[in-house]
């Protein structure tokens, strides 16, 4: 199982703090994003955003990052500043 955690506005938009996902057939963060996008239209819109940030076990990563059972994957909305 992979623990998936959502932060900031994503948590509110998805109405979900965290969930567990089977690691079967998931080898990268990109695979996980694609699987989550299949949940419904709202999830698809959020995970289609190329600016979405992700971390595996507290390290910021890109979509090609390998994942495995026992990992924690976190998703963050794009950060803006000014």
PDB file of N, CA and C in Angstrom:
ATOM      1  N   UNK A   1       0.829  -1.186   0.000  1.00  0.00           N
ATOM      2  CA  UNK A   1       0.000   0.000   0.000  1.00  0.00           C
ATOM      3  C   UNK A   1       0.877   1.254   0.000  1.00  0.00           C
ATOM      4  N   UNK A   2       0.373   2.263  -0.640  1.00  0.00           N
ATOM      5  CA  UNK A   2       1.024   3.569  -0.672  1.00  0.00           C
ATOM      6  C   UNK A   2       0.104   4.556   0.031  1.00  0.00           C
ATOM      7  N   UNK A   3       0.656   5.304   0.965  1.00  0.00           N
ATOM      8  CA  UNK A   3      -0.109   6.345   1.657  1.00  0.00           C
ATOM      9  C   UNK A   3      -0.040   7.608   0.820  1.00  0.00           C
ATOM     10  N   UNK A   4      -1.205   8.163   0.495  1.00  0.00           N
ATOM     11  CA  UNK A   4      -1.280   9.382  -0.305  1.00  0.00           C
ATOM     12  C   UNK A   4      -1.862  10.482   0.571  1.00  0.00           C
ATOM     13  N   UNK A   5      -1.165  11.617   0.625  1.00  0.00           N
ATOM     14  CA  UNK A   5      -1.557  12.730   1.486  1.00  0.00           C
ATOM     15  C   UNK A   5      -1.764  13.974   0.614  1.00  0.00           C
ATOM     16  N   UNK A   6      -2.810  14.738   0.941  1.00  0.00           N
ATOM     17  CA  UNK A   6      -3.112  15.963   0.195  1.00  0.00           C
ATOM     18  C   UNK A   6      -2.982  17.155   1.126  1.00  0.00           C
ATOM     19  N   UNK A   7      -2.379  18.249   0.627  1.00  0.00           N
ATOM     20  CA  UNK A   7      -2.149  19.434   1.443  1.00  0.00           C
ATOM     21  C   UNK A   7      -2.835  20.666   0.868  1.00  0.00           C
ATOM     22  N   UNK A   8      -3.045  21.624   1.749  1.00  0.00           N
ATOM     23  CA  UNK A   8      -3.543  22.963   1.404  1.00  0.00           C
ATOM     24  C   UNK A   8      -4.860  22.878   0.641  1.00  0.00           C
ATOM     25  N   UNK A   9      -4.968  23.645  -0.426  1.00  0.00           N
ATOM     26  CA  UNK A   9      -6.224  23.737  -1.179  1.00  0.00           C
ATOM     27  C   UNK A   9      -6.638  22.392  -1.780  1.00  0.00           C
ATOM     28  N   UNK A  10      -5.684  21.527  -2.099  1.00  0.00           N
ATOM     29  CA  UNK A  10      -6.039  20.215  -2.651  1.00  0.00           C
ATOM     30  C   UNK A  10      -6.903  19.442  -1.679  1.00  0.00           C
ATOM     31  N   UNK A  11      -6.551  19.502  -0.408  1.00  0.00           N
ATOM     32  CA  UNK A  11      -7.305  18.805   0.629  1.00  0.00           C
ATOM     33  C   UNK A  11      -8.761  19.251   0.603  1.00  0.00           C
ATOM     34  N   UNK A  12      -8.972  20.544   0.470  1.00  0.00           N
ATOM     35  CA  UNK A  12     -10.332  21.079   0.464  1.00  0.00           C
ATOM     36  C   UNK A  12     -11.049  20.775  -0.847  1.00  0.00           C
ATOM     37  N   UNK A  13     -10.360  20.910  -1.974  1.00  0.00           N
ATOM     38  CA  UNK A  13     -10.986  20.659  -3.269  1.00  0.00           C
ATOM     39  C   UNK A  13     -11.421  19.204  -3.421  1.00  0.00           C
ATOM     40  N   UNK A  14     -10.613  18.293  -2.917  1.00  0.00           N
ATOM     41  CA  UNK A  14     -10.903  16.866  -3.045  1.00  0.00           C
ATOM     42  C   UNK A  14     -11.721  16.329  -1.874  1.00  0.00           C
ATOM     43  N   UNK A  15     -11.861  17.147  -0.824  1.00  0.00           N
ATOM     44  CA  UNK A  15     -12.546  16.713   0.393  1.00  0.00           C
ATOM     45  C   UNK A  15     -11.922  15.413   0.922  1.00  0.00           C
ATOM     46  N   UNK A  16     -10.584  15.408   0.944  1.00  0.00           N
ATOM     47  CA  UNK A  16      -9.848  14.207   1.330  1.00  0.00           C
ATOM     48  C   UNK A  16      -8.493  14.619   1.919  1.00  0.00           C
ATOM     49  N   UNK A  17      -8.203  14.136   3.129  1.00  0.00           N
ATOM     50  CA  UNK A  17      -6.907  14.405   3.749  1.00  0.00           C
ATOM     51  C   UNK A  17      -5.846  13.424   3.270  1.00  0.00           C
ATOM     52  N   UNK A  18      -6.222  12.150   3.259  1.00  0.00           N
ATOM     53  CA  UNK A  18      -5.287  11.108   2.850  1.00  0.00           C
ATOM     54  C   UNK A  18      -6.060   9.855   2.483  1.00  0.00           C
ATOM     55  N   UNK A  19      -5.377   8.978   1.779  1.00  0.00           N
ATOM     56  CA  UNK A  19      -5.959   7.687   1.440  1.00  0.00           C
ATOM     57  C   UNK A  19      -4.840   6.695   1.207  1.00  0.00           C
ATOM     58  N   UNK A  20      -5.199   5.421   1.195  1.00  0.00           N
ATOM     59  CA  UNK A  20      -4.240   4.358   0.900  1.00  0.00           C
ATOM     60  C   UNK A  20      -4.589   3.768  -0.450  1.00  0.00           C
ATOM     61  N   UNK A  21      -3.556   3.524  -1.250  1.00  0.00           N
ATOM     62  CA  UNK A  21      -3.737   3.017  -2.605  1.00  0.00           C
ATOM     63  C   UNK A  21      -2.876   1.772  -2.748  1.00  0.00           C
ATOM     64  N   UNK A  22      -3.417   0.752  -3.379  1.00  0.00           N
ATOM     65  CA  UNK A  22      -2.645  -0.452  -3.648  1.00  0.00           C
ATOM     66  C   UNK A  22      -1.468  -0.102  -4.553  1.00  0.00           C
ATOM     67  N   UNK A  23      -0.320  -0.662  -4.252  1.00  0.00           N
ATOM     68  CA  UNK A  23       0.867  -0.382  -5.054  1.00  0.00           C
ATOM     69  C   UNK A  23       0.933  -1.244  -6.306  1.00  0.00           C
ATOM     70  N   UNK A  24      -0.020  -2.155  -6.487  1.00  0.00           N
ATOM     71  CA  UNK A  24      -0.047  -2.994  -7.683  1.00  0.00           C
ATOM     72  C   UNK A  24      -0.123  -2.122  -8.934  1.00  0.00           C
ATOM     73  N   UNK A  25       0.713  -2.409  -9.904  1.00  0.00           N
ATOM     74  CA  UNK A  25       0.739  -1.713 -11.193  1.00  0.00           C
ATOM     75  C   UNK A  25       1.159  -0.247 -11.106  1.00  0.00           C
ATOM     76  N   UNK A  26       1.690   0.194  -9.983  1.00  0.00           N
ATOM     77  CA  UNK A  26       2.188   1.566  -9.846  1.00  0.00           C
ATOM     78  C   UNK A  26       3.694   1.516  -9.700  1.00  0.00           C
ATOM     79  N   UNK A  27       4.401   2.157 -10.622  1.00  0.00           N
ATOM     80  CA  UNK A  27       5.859   2.169 -10.518  1.00  0.00           C
ATOM     81  C   UNK A  27       6.416   3.577 -10.353  1.00  0.00           C
ATOM     82  N   UNK A  28       5.613   4.609 -10.726  1.00  0.00           N
ATOM     83  CA  UNK A  28       6.092   5.991 -10.624  1.00  0.00           C
ATOM     84  C   UNK A  28       4.994   6.888 -10.060  1.00  0.00           C
ATOM     85  N   UNK A  29       5.396   8.079  -9.652  1.00  0.00           N
ATOM     86  CA  UNK A  29       4.428   9.083  -9.208  1.00  0.00           C
ATOM     87  C   UNK A  29       3.441   9.380 -10.336  1.00  0.00           C
ATOM     88  N   UNK A  30       3.907   9.399 -11.561  1.00  0.00           N
ATOM     89  CA  UNK A  30       3.032   9.633 -12.709  1.00  0.00           C
ATOM     90  C   UNK A  30       1.945   8.575 -12.829  1.00  0.00           C
ATOM     91  N   UNK A  31       2.304   7.314 -12.566  1.00  0.00           N
ATOM     92  CA  UNK A  31       1.305   6.233 -12.579  1.00  0.00           C
ATOM     93  C   UNK A  31       0.239   6.486 -11.517  1.00  0.00           C
ATOM     94  N   UNK A  32       0.688   6.908 -10.333  1.00  0.00           N
ATOM     95  CA  UNK A  32      -0.247   7.192  -9.242  1.00  0.00           C
ATOM     96  C   UNK A  32      -1.166   8.344  -9.603  1.00  0.00           C
ATOM     97  N   UNK A  33      -0.594   9.401 -10.176  1.00  0.00           N
ATOM     98  CA  UNK A  33      -1.411  10.545 -10.591  1.00  0.00           C
ATOM     99  C   UNK A  33      -2.468  10.121 -11.610  1.00  0.00           C
ATOM    100  N   UNK A  34      -2.085   9.287 -12.558  1.00  0.00           N
ATOM    101  CA  UNK A  34      -3.031   8.813 -13.578  1.00  0.00           C
ATOM    102  C   UNK A  34      -4.151   7.991 -12.945  1.00  0.00           C
ATOM    103  N   UNK A  35      -3.797   7.150 -11.987  1.00  0.00           N
ATOM    104  CA  UNK A  35      -4.821   6.337 -11.315  1.00  0.00           C
ATOM    105  C   UNK A  35      -5.782   7.221 -10.531  1.00  0.00           C
ATOM    106  N   UNK A  36      -5.253   8.199  -9.799  1.00  0.00           N
ATOM    107  CA  UNK A  36      -6.106   9.095  -9.013  1.00  0.00           C
ATOM    108  C   UNK A  36      -6.994   9.947  -9.926  1.00  0.00           C
ATOM    109  N   UNK A  37      -6.481  10.325 -11.077  1.00  0.00           N
ATOM    110  CA  UNK A  37      -7.254  11.139 -12.017  1.00  0.00           C
ATOM    111  C   UNK A  37      -8.487  10.396 -12.527  1.00  0.00           C
ATOM    112  N   UNK A  38      -8.453   9.078 -12.474  1.00  0.00           N
ATOM    113  CA  UNK A  38      -9.576   8.274 -12.946  1.00  0.00           C
ATOM    114  C   UNK A  38     -10.745   8.200 -11.965  1.00  0.00           C
ATOM    115  N   UNK A  39     -10.587   8.773 -10.769  1.00  0.00           N
ATOM    116  CA  UNK A  39     -11.652   8.696  -9.769  1.00  0.00           C
ATOM    117  C   UNK A  39     -12.915   9.417 -10.231  1.00  0.00           C
ATOM    118  N   UNK A  40     -12.793  10.639 -10.715  1.00  0.00           N
ATOM    119  CA  UNK A  40     -13.925  11.379 -11.279  1.00  0.00           C
ATOM    120  C   UNK A  40     -13.412  12.650 -11.937  1.00  0.00           C
ATOM    121  N   UNK A  41     -14.332  13.455 -12.468  1.00  0.00           N
ATOM    122  CA  UNK A  41     -13.930  14.643 -13.235  1.00  0.00           C
ATOM    123  C   UNK A  41     -13.132  15.647 -12.411  1.00  0.00           C
ATOM    124  N   UNK A  42     -13.516  15.839 -11.141  1.00  0.00           N
ATOM    125  CA  UNK A  42     -12.802  16.790 -10.286  1.00  0.00           C
ATOM    126  C   UNK A  42     -11.360  16.338 -10.084  1.00  0.00           C
ATOM    127  N   UNK A  43     -11.164  15.063  -9.802  1.00  0.00           N
ATOM    128  CA  UNK A  43      -9.822  14.526  -9.598  1.00  0.00           C
ATOM    129  C   UNK A  43      -9.017  14.613 -10.905  1.00  0.00           C
ATOM    130  N   UNK A  44      -9.671  14.345 -12.017  1.00  0.00           N
ATOM    131  CA  UNK A  44      -8.993  14.422 -13.311  1.00  0.00           C
ATOM    132  C   UNK A  44      -8.495  15.837 -13.579  1.00  0.00           C
ATOM    133  N   UNK A  45      -9.315  16.824 -13.291  1.00  0.00           N
ATOM    134  CA  UNK A  45      -8.919  18.216 -13.503  1.00  0.00           C
ATOM    135  C   UNK A  45      -7.717  18.579 -12.641  1.00  0.00           C
ATOM    136  N   UNK A  46      -7.736  18.177 -11.385  1.00  0.00           N
ATOM    137  CA  UNK A  46      -6.648  18.505 -10.466  1.00  0.00           C
ATOM    138  C   UNK A  46      -5.350  17.823 -10.885  1.00  0.00           C
ATOM    139  N   UNK A  47      -5.416  16.548 -11.237  1.00  0.00           N
ATOM    140  CA  UNK A  47      -4.193  15.817 -11.558  1.00  0.00           C
ATOM    141  C   UNK A  47      -3.714  16.058 -12.983  1.00  0.00           C
ATOM    142  N   UNK A  48      -4.493  16.763 -13.786  1.00  0.00           N
ATOM    143  CA  UNK A  48      -4.047  17.171 -15.124  1.00  0.00           C
ATOM    144  C   UNK A  48      -3.172  18.415 -15.056  1.00  0.00           C
ATOM    145  N   UNK A  49      -3.161  19.105 -13.913  1.00  0.00           N
ATOM    146  CA  UNK A  49      -2.388  20.328 -13.737  1.00  0.00           C
ATOM    147  C   UNK A  49      -0.898  19.992 -13.670  1.00  0.00           C
ATOM    148  N   UNK A  50      -0.137  20.396 -14.674  1.00  0.00           N
ATOM    149  CA  UNK A  50       1.296  20.081 -14.726  1.00  0.00           C
ATOM    150  C   UNK A  50       2.098  20.793 -13.638  1.00  0.00           C
ATOM    151  N   UNK A  51       1.509  21.808 -12.997  1.00  0.00           N
ATOM    152  CA  UNK A  51       2.211  22.531 -11.939  1.00  0.00           C
ATOM    153  C   UNK A  51       2.014  21.895 -10.560  1.00  0.00           C
ATOM    154  N   UNK A  52       1.219  20.825 -10.482  1.00  0.00           N
ATOM    155  CA  UNK A  52       0.997  20.128  -9.223  1.00  0.00           C
ATOM    156  C   UNK A  52       2.331  19.616  -8.678  1.00  0.00           C
ATOM    157  N   UNK A  53       2.587  19.862  -7.421  1.00  0.00           N
ATOM    158  CA  UNK A  53       3.843  19.443  -6.790  1.00  0.00           C
ATOM    159  C   UNK A  53       3.646  18.112  -6.069  1.00  0.00           C
ATOM    160  N   UNK A  54       4.715  17.315  -6.018  1.00  0.00           N
ATOM    161  CA  UNK A  54       4.633  16.028  -5.337  1.00  0.00           C
ATOM    162  C   UNK A  54       5.916  15.754  -4.564  1.00  0.00           C
ATOM    163  N   UNK A  55       5.751  14.925  -3.539  1.00  0.00           N
ATOM    164  CA  UNK A  55       6.890  14.507  -2.716  1.00  0.00           C
ATOM    165  C   UNK A  55       6.728  13.030  -2.391  1.00  0.00           C
ATOM    166  N   UNK A  56       7.853  12.328  -2.334  1.00  0.00           N
ATOM    167  CA  UNK A  56       7.859  10.936  -1.902  1.00  0.00           C
ATOM    168  C   UNK A  56       8.723  10.865  -0.656  1.00  0.00           C
ATOM    169  N   UNK A  57       8.131  10.398   0.419  1.00  0.00           N
ATOM    170  CA  UNK A  57       8.836  10.282   1.702  1.00  0.00           C
ATOM    171  C   UNK A  57       9.534  11.592   2.075  1.00  0.00           C
ATOM    172  N   UNK A  58       8.817  12.692   1.902  1.00  0.00           N
ATOM    173  CA  UNK A  58       9.226  14.044   2.291  1.00  0.00           C
ATOM    174  C   UNK A  58      10.281  14.685   1.386  1.00  0.00           C
ATOM    175  N   UNK A  59      10.582  14.073   0.246  1.00  0.00           N
ATOM    176  CA  UNK A  59      11.504  14.665  -0.721  1.00  0.00           C
ATOM    177  C   UNK A  59      10.722  15.072  -1.961  1.00  0.00           C
ATOM    178  N   UNK A  60      10.875  16.326  -2.381  1.00  0.00           N
ATOM    179  CA  UNK A  60      10.193  16.802  -3.581  1.00  0.00           C
ATOM    180  C   UNK A  60      10.711  16.028  -4.791  1.00  0.00           C
ATOM    181  N   UNK A  61       9.778  15.602  -5.653  1.00  0.00           N
ATOM    182  CA  UNK A  61      10.131  14.762  -6.799  1.00  0.00           C
ATOM    183  C   UNK A  61       9.309  15.164  -8.021  1.00  0.00           C
ATOM    184  N   UNK A  62       9.661  14.579  -9.173  1.00  0.00           N
ATOM    185  CA  UNK A  62       8.860  14.782 -10.378  1.00  0.00           C
ATOM    186  C   UNK A  62       8.051  13.510 -10.644  1.00  0.00           C
ATOM    187  N   UNK A  63       7.303  13.518 -11.723  1.00  0.00           N
ATOM    188  CA  UNK A  63       6.398  12.407 -12.028  1.00  0.00           C
ATOM    189  C   UNK A  63       7.114  11.107 -12.376  1.00  0.00           C
ATOM    190  N   UNK A  64       8.384  11.172 -12.724  1.00  0.00           N
ATOM    191  CA  UNK A  64       9.131   9.964 -13.084  1.00  0.00           C
ATOM    192  C   UNK A  64       9.713   9.242 -11.865  1.00  0.00           C
ATOM    193  N   UNK A  65       9.531   9.819 -10.686  1.00  0.00           N
ATOM    194  CA  UNK A  65      10.104   9.232  -9.466  1.00  0.00           C
ATOM    195  C   UNK A  65       9.489   7.858  -9.194  1.00  0.00           C
ATOM    196  N   UNK A  66      10.338   6.847  -8.965  1.00  0.00           N
ATOM    197  CA  UNK A  66       9.817   5.516  -8.635  1.00  0.00           C
ATOM    198  C   UNK A  66       9.120   5.515  -7.271  1.00  0.00           C
ATOM    199  N   UNK A  67       8.072   4.708  -7.156  1.00  0.00           N
ATOM    200  CA  UNK A  67       7.392   4.517  -5.873  1.00  0.00           C
ATOM    201  C   UNK A  67       7.205   3.025  -5.642  1.00  0.00           C
ATOM    202  N   UNK A  68       7.050   2.683  -4.354  1.00  0.00           N
ATOM    203  CA  UNK A  68       6.871   1.279  -3.987  1.00  0.00           C
ATOM    204  C   UNK A  68       5.992   1.195  -2.744  1.00  0.00           C
ATOM    205  N   UNK A  69       5.548   0.007  -2.438  1.00  0.00           N
ATOM    206  CA  UNK A  69       4.727  -0.214  -1.259  1.00  0.00           C
ATOM    207  C   UNK A  69       5.445   0.304  -0.020  1.00  0.00           C
ATOM    208  N   UNK A  70       4.714   0.986   0.833  1.00  0.00           N
ATOM    209  CA  UNK A  70       5.289   1.553   2.055  1.00  0.00           C
ATOM    210  C   UNK A  70       5.662   3.013   1.925  1.00  0.00           C
ATOM    211  N   UNK A  71       5.695   3.534   0.702  1.00  0.00           N
ATOM    212  CA  UNK A  71       6.024   4.949   0.490  1.00  0.00           C
ATOM    213  C   UNK A  71       4.853   5.842   0.888  1.00  0.00           C
ATOM    214  N   UNK A  72       5.196   7.081   1.225  1.00  0.00           N
ATOM    215  CA  UNK A  72       4.198   8.126   1.414  1.00  0.00           C
ATOM    216  C   UNK A  72       4.381   9.131   0.285  1.00  0.00           C
ATOM    217  N   UNK A  73       3.301   9.367  -0.464  1.00  0.00           N
ATOM    218  CA  UNK A  73       3.332  10.322  -1.560  1.00  0.00           C
ATOM    219  C   UNK A  73       2.406  11.473  -1.192  1.00  0.00           C
ATOM    220  N   UNK A  74       2.940  12.687  -1.249  1.00  0.00           N
ATOM    221  CA  UNK A  74       2.162  13.878  -0.915  1.00  0.00           C
ATOM    222  C   UNK A  74       2.011  14.750  -2.150  1.00  0.00           C
ATOM    223  N   UNK A  75       0.834  15.367  -2.255  1.00  0.00           N
ATOM    224  CA  UNK A  75       0.574  16.290  -3.361  1.00  0.00           C
ATOM    225  C   UNK A  75       0.239  17.659  -2.804  1.00  0.00           C
ATOM    226  N   UNK A  76       0.783  18.692  -3.464  1.00  0.00           N
ATOM    227  CA  UNK A  76       0.624  20.083  -3.057  1.00  0.00           C
ATOM    228  C   UNK A  76       0.160  20.907  -4.249  1.00  0.00           C
ATOM    229  N   UNK A  77      -0.641  21.923  -4.001  1.00  0.00           N
ATOM    230  CA  UNK A  77      -0.976  22.839  -5.103  1.00  0.00           C
ATOM    231  C   UNK A  77       0.263  23.662  -5.463  1.00  0.00           C
ATOM    232  N   UNK A  78       0.289  24.221  -6.662  1.00  0.00           N
ATOM    233  CA  UNK A  78       1.414  25.097  -7.035  1.00  0.00           C
ATOM    234  C   UNK A  78       1.551  26.246  -6.035  1.00  0.00           C
ATOM    235  N   UNK A  79       2.775  26.604  -5.750  1.00  0.00           N
ATOM    236  CA  UNK A  79       3.039  27.673  -4.791  1.00  0.00           C
ATOM    237  C   UNK A  79       3.164  28.995  -5.552  1.00  0.00           C
ATOM    238  N   UNK A  80       2.501  30.008  -5.053  1.00  0.00           N
ATOM    239  CA  UNK A  80       2.622  31.334  -5.654  1.00  0.00           C
ATOM    240  C   UNK A  80       3.171  32.278  -4.612  1.00  0.00           C
ATOM    241  N   UNK A  81       3.769  33.303  -5.057  1.00  0.00           N
ATOM    242  CA  UNK A  81       4.326  34.279  -4.129  1.00  0.00           C
ATOM    243  C   UNK A  81       4.292  35.663  -4.748  1.00  0.00           C
ATOM    244  N   UNK A  82       4.707  36.609  -3.944  1.00  0.00           N
ATOM    245  CA  UNK A  82       4.688  37.939  -4.509  1.00  0.00           C
ATOM    246  C   UNK A  82       5.338  38.942  -3.611  1.00  0.00           C
TER     247      UNK A  82
END
